[in-house]
Amino acid sequence: MRQSIPLVDSGTLVGVATKGDCGWYLIALDARLEELDRVNFRDAAAAERAVRAVLDQASSRLQEVRRA
């Protein structure tokens, strides 16, 4: 049986960390996470950290654009 963990940003489902035959991988549901889609991770926590890093970076870029 596969195990999965939903990844949420501000109440919105943005991806799912899923344990497959070869370890954990990410199913990206949000376009900001496209680069992480189907990437393998050591564990679900590593996938979540990667998602947070990408979302934080996207948020920072958006704030810079708004200031300009």
N, C-alpha and C. Protein backbone atom coordinates (compact mmCIF):
# COMPACT_ATOMS: atom_id res chain seq x y z
N MET A 1 0.84 -1.17 0.00
CA MET A 1 0.00 0.00 0.00
C MET A 1 0.89 1.24 0.00
N ARG A 2 0.54 2.22 -0.83
CA ARG A 2 1.30 3.46 -0.90
C ARG A 2 0.91 4.39 0.24
N GLN A 3 1.87 5.15 0.69
CA GLN A 3 1.65 6.13 1.75
C GLN A 3 1.83 7.51 1.12
N SER A 4 0.98 8.46 1.50
CA SER A 4 1.12 9.81 0.96
C SER A 4 0.82 10.84 2.04
N ILE A 5 1.41 12.02 1.85
CA ILE A 5 1.24 13.11 2.79
C ILE A 5 0.91 14.36 1.99
N PRO A 6 -0.24 14.99 2.28
CA PRO A 6 -0.60 16.22 1.56
C PRO A 6 0.30 17.38 2.00
N LEU A 7 0.65 18.22 1.05
CA LEU A 7 1.45 19.41 1.33
C LEU A 7 0.60 20.63 1.02
N VAL A 8 0.43 21.47 2.03
CA VAL A 8 -0.52 22.58 1.96
C VAL A 8 0.20 23.91 2.14
N ASP A 9 -0.25 24.92 1.38
CA ASP A 9 0.27 26.28 1.53
C ASP A 9 -0.92 27.21 1.70
N SER A 10 -1.02 27.85 2.84
CA SER A 10 -2.13 28.78 3.15
C SER A 10 -3.50 28.14 2.89
N GLY A 11 -3.64 26.89 3.29
CA GLY A 11 -4.92 26.20 3.17
C GLY A 11 -5.19 25.59 1.81
N THR A 12 -4.24 25.69 0.88
CA THR A 12 -4.41 25.15 -0.46
C THR A 12 -3.48 23.97 -0.67
N LEU A 13 -4.02 22.87 -1.17
CA LEU A 13 -3.21 21.70 -1.49
C LEU A 13 -2.31 22.02 -2.67
N VAL A 14 -0.99 21.97 -2.46
CA VAL A 14 -0.04 22.32 -3.53
C VAL A 14 0.73 21.12 -4.04
N GLY A 15 0.71 20.02 -3.30
CA GLY A 15 1.43 18.83 -3.72
C GLY A 15 1.19 17.69 -2.76
N VAL A 16 1.71 16.53 -3.15
CA VAL A 16 1.57 15.34 -2.32
C VAL A 16 2.92 14.61 -2.31
N ALA A 17 3.43 14.36 -1.14
CA ALA A 17 4.62 13.52 -0.99
C ALA A 17 4.13 12.09 -0.93
N THR A 18 4.64 11.24 -1.81
CA THR A 18 4.15 9.88 -1.94
C THR A 18 5.31 8.90 -1.83
N LYS A 19 5.09 7.83 -1.08
CA LYS A 19 6.11 6.79 -0.96
C LYS A 19 5.82 5.73 -2.01
N GLY A 20 6.77 5.58 -2.92
CA GLY A 20 6.64 4.57 -3.97
C GLY A 20 7.64 3.45 -3.77
N ASP A 21 7.84 2.68 -4.80
CA ASP A 21 8.76 1.54 -4.72
C ASP A 21 10.21 1.97 -4.53
N CYS A 22 10.55 3.16 -5.00
CA CYS A 22 11.94 3.64 -4.94
C CYS A 22 12.13 4.76 -3.92
N GLY A 23 11.24 4.90 -2.98
CA GLY A 23 11.35 5.94 -1.98
C GLY A 23 10.27 6.99 -2.14
N TRP A 24 10.50 8.15 -1.56
CA TRP A 24 9.53 9.24 -1.58
C TRP A 24 9.71 10.11 -2.81
N TYR A 25 8.62 10.55 -3.39
CA TYR A 25 8.67 11.49 -4.50
C TYR A 25 7.51 12.46 -4.37
N LEU A 26 7.60 13.57 -5.09
CA LEU A 26 6.60 14.62 -4.99
C LEU A 26 5.72 14.64 -6.23
N ILE A 27 4.43 14.77 -6.01
CA ILE A 27 3.48 15.03 -7.08
C ILE A 27 3.08 16.49 -6.91
N ALA A 28 3.55 17.35 -7.80
CA ALA A 28 3.28 18.78 -7.71
C ALA A 28 1.91 19.10 -8.32
N LEU A 29 1.09 19.82 -7.58
CA LEU A 29 -0.22 20.25 -8.05
C LEU A 29 -0.25 21.74 -8.36
N ASP A 30 0.75 22.46 -7.89
CA ASP A 30 0.86 23.90 -8.07
C ASP A 30 1.97 24.17 -9.09
N ALA A 31 1.71 25.07 -10.03
CA ALA A 31 2.67 25.37 -11.09
C ALA A 31 4.01 25.86 -10.54
N ARG A 32 4.01 26.50 -9.37
CA ARG A 32 5.26 26.98 -8.78
C ARG A 32 6.19 25.83 -8.40
N LEU A 33 5.65 24.63 -8.29
CA LEU A 33 6.44 23.46 -7.87
C LEU A 33 6.79 22.54 -9.03
N GLU A 34 6.59 23.02 -10.25
CA GLU A 34 6.80 22.20 -11.43
C GLU A 34 8.20 21.55 -11.45
N GLU A 35 9.21 22.29 -11.04
CA GLU A 35 10.58 21.76 -11.05
C GLU A 35 10.78 20.59 -10.08
N LEU A 36 9.89 20.44 -9.10
CA LEU A 36 10.00 19.36 -8.12
C LEU A 36 9.12 18.15 -8.45
N ASP A 37 8.29 18.27 -9.48
CA ASP A 37 7.36 17.20 -9.81
C ASP A 37 8.10 15.91 -10.16
N ARG A 38 7.77 14.84 -9.47
CA ARG A 38 8.33 13.49 -9.65
C ARG A 38 9.79 13.36 -9.22
N VAL A 39 10.30 14.35 -8.47
CA VAL A 39 11.66 14.27 -7.94
C VAL A 39 11.66 13.36 -6.72
N ASN A 40 12.68 12.53 -6.59
CA ASN A 40 12.79 11.62 -5.46
C ASN A 40 13.44 12.32 -4.27
N PHE A 41 13.00 11.95 -3.07
CA PHE A 41 13.51 12.51 -1.83
C PHE A 41 13.79 11.39 -0.85
N ARG A 42 14.67 11.67 0.10
CA ARG A 42 15.04 10.69 1.13
C ARG A 42 13.84 10.29 1.98
N ASP A 43 13.02 11.31 2.32
CA ASP A 43 11.83 11.05 3.13
C ASP A 43 10.81 12.17 2.88
N ALA A 44 9.65 12.05 3.48
CA ALA A 44 8.58 13.04 3.28
C ALA A 44 8.99 14.41 3.81
N ALA A 45 9.74 14.45 4.90
CA ALA A 45 10.18 15.72 5.46
C ALA A 45 11.10 16.47 4.49
N ALA A 46 11.95 15.75 3.79
CA ALA A 46 12.83 16.38 2.80
C ALA A 46 12.02 16.97 1.65
N ALA A 47 10.99 16.27 1.24
CA ALA A 47 10.11 16.78 0.18
C ALA A 47 9.41 18.05 0.65
N GLU A 48 8.94 18.05 1.88
CA GLU A 48 8.25 19.22 2.41
C GLU A 48 9.21 20.42 2.54
N ARG A 49 10.44 20.16 2.96
CA ARG A 49 11.42 21.26 3.05
C ARG A 49 11.69 21.85 1.67
N ALA A 50 11.80 21.01 0.66
CA ALA A 50 12.05 21.50 -0.70
C ALA A 50 10.86 22.33 -1.19
N VAL A 51 9.65 21.87 -0.91
CA VAL A 51 8.45 22.62 -1.29
C VAL A 51 8.44 23.98 -0.61
N ARG A 52 8.71 24.01 0.68
CA ARG A 52 8.73 25.28 1.43
C ARG A 52 9.77 26.24 0.85
N ALA A 53 10.94 25.72 0.51
CA ALA A 53 12.00 26.56 -0.05
C ALA A 53 11.58 27.18 -1.38
N VAL A 54 10.97 26.39 -2.24
CA VAL A 54 10.53 26.90 -3.55
C VAL A 54 9.41 27.91 -3.36
N LEU A 55 8.45 27.63 -2.50
CA LEU A 55 7.35 28.55 -2.27
C LEU A 55 7.84 29.85 -1.63
N ASP A 56 8.78 29.77 -0.71
CA ASP A 56 9.34 30.98 -0.09
C ASP A 56 10.06 31.82 -1.13
N GLN A 57 10.81 31.16 -2.00
CA GLN A 57 11.53 31.87 -3.06
C GLN A 57 10.55 32.55 -4.02
N ALA A 58 9.49 31.86 -4.39
CA ALA A 58 8.48 32.44 -5.29
C ALA A 58 7.80 33.63 -4.62
N SER A 59 7.53 33.52 -3.34
CA SER A 59 6.91 34.62 -2.61
C SER A 59 7.82 35.83 -2.55
N SER A 60 9.10 35.60 -2.34
CA SER A 60 10.07 36.70 -2.29
C SER A 60 10.15 37.41 -3.63
N ARG A 61 10.15 36.65 -4.72
CA ARG A 61 10.20 37.25 -6.06
C ARG A 61 8.94 38.09 -6.31
N LEU A 62 7.80 37.59 -5.88
CA LEU A 62 6.55 38.32 -6.07
C LEU A 62 6.56 39.64 -5.29
N GLN A 63 7.07 39.60 -4.07
CA GLN A 63 7.15 40.83 -3.26
C GLN A 63 8.09 41.84 -3.90
N GLU A 64 9.19 41.39 -4.50
CA GLU A 64 10.11 42.31 -5.17
C GLU A 64 9.46 42.96 -6.36
N VAL A 65 8.67 42.21 -7.11
CA VAL A 65 7.98 42.74 -8.28
C VAL A 65 6.95 43.78 -7.83
N ARG A 66 6.27 43.53 -6.77
CA ARG A 66 5.25 44.45 -6.27
C ARG A 66 5.88 45.77 -5.81
N ARG A 67 7.09 45.71 -5.26
CA ARG A 67 7.77 46.91 -4.78
C ARG A 67 8.30 47.77 -5.92
N ALA A 68 8.57 47.12 -7.05
CA ALA A 68 9.18 47.84 -8.19
C ALA A 68 8.20 48.76 -8.90
